[in-house]
Amino acid sequence: MAAVSRRCGTSEPPVTLGLPLPPVEPPADCEECAQRAIERAEAKHVGDLARAIDMTVLIKRHHPQGPA
């Protein structure tokens, strides 16, 4: 029995990822976001990147328009 040769692949080009965005800085007058920024820094320090990302998301959600 002859071996069947098949080409595996895709017709789509590879995905190109950009550089990560800079961290979101909380507004200076928001105590809640300042605390989240501290928690984010502590999480990064201990290598808990999931928690650090969670804090960034919470800051973005609290100020969706960005710092005032």
N, C-alpha and C. Protein backbone atom coordinates (compact mmCIF):
# COMPACT_ATOMS: atom_id res chain seq x y z
N MET A 1 0.84 -1.17 0.00
CA MET A 1 0.00 0.00 0.00
C MET A 1 0.89 1.24 0.00
N ALA A 2 0.61 2.17 -0.87
CA ALA A 2 1.42 3.38 -1.01
C ALA A 2 1.03 4.41 0.06
N ALA A 3 2.01 5.14 0.53
CA ALA A 3 1.75 6.20 1.51
C ALA A 3 1.08 7.38 0.81
N VAL A 4 0.16 7.98 1.47
CA VAL A 4 -0.54 9.14 0.92
C VAL A 4 0.15 10.39 1.44
N SER A 5 0.49 11.25 0.54
CA SER A 5 1.14 12.50 0.92
C SER A 5 0.11 13.62 0.87
N ARG A 6 -0.06 14.32 1.99
CA ARG A 6 -1.00 15.42 2.04
C ARG A 6 -0.30 16.66 2.54
N ARG A 7 -0.67 17.78 2.01
CA ARG A 7 -0.11 19.04 2.48
C ARG A 7 -1.01 19.60 3.58
N CYS A 8 -0.43 19.90 4.67
CA CYS A 8 -1.17 20.52 5.76
C CYS A 8 -0.80 21.99 5.79
N GLY A 9 -1.77 22.81 5.95
CA GLY A 9 -1.47 24.23 6.01
C GLY A 9 -2.74 25.04 5.89
N THR A 10 -2.55 26.29 5.66
CA THR A 10 -3.68 27.19 5.54
C THR A 10 -3.36 28.24 4.50
N SER A 11 -4.37 28.79 3.93
CA SER A 11 -4.16 29.82 2.92
C SER A 11 -4.11 31.21 3.54
N GLU A 12 -4.29 31.28 4.86
CA GLU A 12 -4.27 32.57 5.54
C GLU A 12 -2.86 32.92 5.98
N PRO A 13 -2.51 34.20 5.92
CA PRO A 13 -1.17 34.61 6.37
C PRO A 13 -1.06 34.49 7.90
N PRO A 14 0.16 34.44 8.42
CA PRO A 14 0.33 34.35 9.87
C PRO A 14 -0.14 35.63 10.56
N VAL A 15 -0.53 35.48 11.80
CA VAL A 15 -0.97 36.62 12.61
C VAL A 15 0.25 37.42 13.05
N THR A 16 0.16 38.73 12.93
CA THR A 16 1.24 39.60 13.38
C THR A 16 0.74 40.39 14.58
N LEU A 17 1.41 40.25 15.70
CA LEU A 17 1.03 40.94 16.92
C LEU A 17 1.87 42.19 17.10
N GLY A 18 1.24 43.24 17.54
CA GLY A 18 1.97 44.48 17.83
C GLY A 18 2.56 44.44 19.22
N LEU A 19 3.26 45.49 19.57
CA LEU A 19 3.82 45.59 20.91
C LEU A 19 2.71 45.84 21.91
N PRO A 20 2.87 45.40 23.16
CA PRO A 20 1.84 45.66 24.16
C PRO A 20 1.67 47.16 24.39
N LEU A 21 0.45 47.54 24.72
CA LEU A 21 0.18 48.95 25.01
C LEU A 21 0.80 49.32 26.35
N PRO A 22 1.16 50.58 26.53
CA PRO A 22 1.70 51.00 27.83
C PRO A 22 0.63 50.86 28.92
N PRO A 23 1.03 50.68 30.17
CA PRO A 23 0.03 50.51 31.23
C PRO A 23 -0.84 51.76 31.37
N VAL A 24 -2.07 51.54 31.75
CA VAL A 24 -3.01 52.64 31.97
C VAL A 24 -2.66 53.31 33.29
N GLU A 25 -2.52 54.61 33.25
CA GLU A 25 -2.26 55.36 34.48
C GLU A 25 -3.57 55.91 35.01
N PRO A 26 -3.85 55.69 36.28
CA PRO A 26 -5.10 56.19 36.85
C PRO A 26 -5.07 57.72 37.00
N PRO A 27 -6.23 58.35 36.96
CA PRO A 27 -6.27 59.80 37.21
C PRO A 27 -5.74 60.11 38.61
N ALA A 28 -5.09 61.24 38.74
CA ALA A 28 -4.46 61.61 40.01
C ALA A 28 -5.49 61.80 41.13
N ASP A 29 -6.71 62.15 40.78
CA ASP A 29 -7.71 62.45 41.81
C ASP A 29 -8.63 61.28 42.15
N CYS A 30 -8.31 60.07 41.68
CA CYS A 30 -9.16 58.91 41.94
C CYS A 30 -8.45 57.96 42.91
N GLU A 31 -8.94 57.97 44.14
CA GLU A 31 -8.34 57.14 45.19
C GLU A 31 -8.52 55.64 44.90
N GLU A 32 -9.68 55.27 44.37
CA GLU A 32 -9.96 53.86 44.07
C GLU A 32 -8.99 53.32 43.03
N CYS A 33 -8.75 54.09 41.98
CA CYS A 33 -7.84 53.64 40.93
C CYS A 33 -6.38 53.69 41.40
N ALA A 34 -6.06 54.63 42.27
CA ALA A 34 -4.71 54.69 42.83
C ALA A 34 -4.41 53.40 43.61
N GLN A 35 -5.41 52.93 44.36
CA GLN A 35 -5.25 51.68 45.12
C GLN A 35 -5.07 50.50 44.17
N ARG A 36 -5.83 50.50 43.08
CA ARG A 36 -5.70 49.41 42.10
C ARG A 36 -4.32 49.44 41.43
N ALA A 37 -3.78 50.63 41.22
CA ALA A 37 -2.45 50.74 40.63
C ALA A 37 -1.40 50.17 41.58
N ILE A 38 -1.58 50.40 42.88
CA ILE A 38 -0.67 49.83 43.88
C ILE A 38 -0.77 48.31 43.87
N GLU A 39 -2.01 47.80 43.83
CA GLU A 39 -2.21 46.35 43.78
C GLU A 39 -1.61 45.76 42.51
N ARG A 40 -1.72 46.49 41.41
CA ARG A 40 -1.15 46.03 40.14
C ARG A 40 0.37 45.92 40.24
N ALA A 41 1.00 46.93 40.84
CA ALA A 41 2.46 46.92 41.00
C ALA A 41 2.90 45.77 41.90
N GLU A 42 2.16 45.54 42.98
CA GLU A 42 2.49 44.44 43.89
C GLU A 42 2.33 43.09 43.18
N ALA A 43 1.28 42.95 42.39
CA ALA A 43 1.06 41.70 41.65
C ALA A 43 2.18 41.45 40.66
N LYS A 44 2.61 42.48 39.95
CA LYS A 44 3.72 42.33 39.01
C LYS A 44 4.99 41.93 39.74
N HIS A 45 5.20 42.52 40.91
CA HIS A 45 6.41 42.25 41.69
C HIS A 45 6.51 40.78 42.09
N VAL A 46 5.37 40.16 42.39
CA VAL A 46 5.40 38.74 42.80
C VAL A 46 5.15 37.80 41.62
N GLY A 47 5.02 38.36 40.42
CA GLY A 47 4.86 37.53 39.23
C GLY A 47 3.44 37.10 38.93
N ASP A 48 2.46 37.74 39.57
CA ASP A 48 1.05 37.41 39.34
C ASP A 48 0.52 38.31 38.22
N LEU A 49 0.87 37.96 36.98
CA LEU A 49 0.49 38.81 35.85
C LEU A 49 -1.01 38.80 35.59
N ALA A 50 -1.68 37.72 35.92
CA ALA A 50 -3.14 37.68 35.75
C ALA A 50 -3.80 38.73 36.64
N ARG A 51 -3.36 38.81 37.87
CA ARG A 51 -3.92 39.82 38.80
C ARG A 51 -3.55 41.23 38.34
N ALA A 52 -2.36 41.42 37.84
CA ALA A 52 -1.94 42.73 37.34
C ALA A 52 -2.83 43.17 36.17
N ILE A 53 -3.12 42.25 35.28
CA ILE A 53 -4.00 42.56 34.15
C ILE A 53 -5.40 42.86 34.65
N ASP A 54 -5.86 42.10 35.64
CA ASP A 54 -7.19 42.36 36.21
C ASP A 54 -7.28 43.80 36.75
N MET A 55 -6.24 44.26 37.42
CA MET A 55 -6.25 45.61 37.96
C MET A 55 -6.28 46.65 36.84
N THR A 56 -5.55 46.40 35.76
CA THR A 56 -5.56 47.31 34.61
C THR A 56 -6.96 47.38 34.01
N VAL A 57 -7.61 46.24 33.88
CA VAL A 57 -8.97 46.20 33.32
C VAL A 57 -9.92 46.99 34.22
N LEU A 58 -9.81 46.83 35.53
CA LEU A 58 -10.68 47.56 36.45
C LEU A 58 -10.46 49.06 36.36
N ILE A 59 -9.21 49.48 36.20
CA ILE A 59 -8.93 50.91 36.05
C ILE A 59 -9.56 51.43 34.76
N LYS A 60 -9.40 50.68 33.67
CA LYS A 60 -9.98 51.09 32.39
C LYS A 60 -11.50 51.17 32.47
N ARG A 61 -12.12 50.21 33.14
CA ARG A 61 -13.58 50.22 33.26
C ARG A 61 -14.07 51.37 34.12
N HIS A 62 -13.31 51.73 35.13
CA HIS A 62 -13.72 52.82 36.03
C HIS A 62 -13.61 54.17 35.34
N HIS A 63 -12.67 54.30 34.41
CA HIS A 63 -12.46 55.54 33.67
C HIS A 63 -12.34 55.22 32.19
N PRO A 64 -13.44 54.82 31.53
CA PRO A 64 -13.37 54.40 30.14
C PRO A 64 -12.92 55.52 29.18
N GLN A 65 -13.12 56.77 29.57
CA GLN A 65 -12.72 57.89 28.73
C GLN A 65 -11.24 58.25 28.93
N GLY A 66 -10.60 57.62 29.89
CA GLY A 66 -9.19 57.92 30.17
C GLY A 66 -9.09 58.95 31.27
N PRO A 67 -7.87 59.25 31.72
CA PRO A 67 -7.69 60.24 32.77
C PRO A 67 -8.21 61.61 32.34
N ALA A 68 -8.76 62.32 33.30
CA ALA A 68 -9.30 63.67 33.01
C ALA A 68 -8.20 64.69 32.92
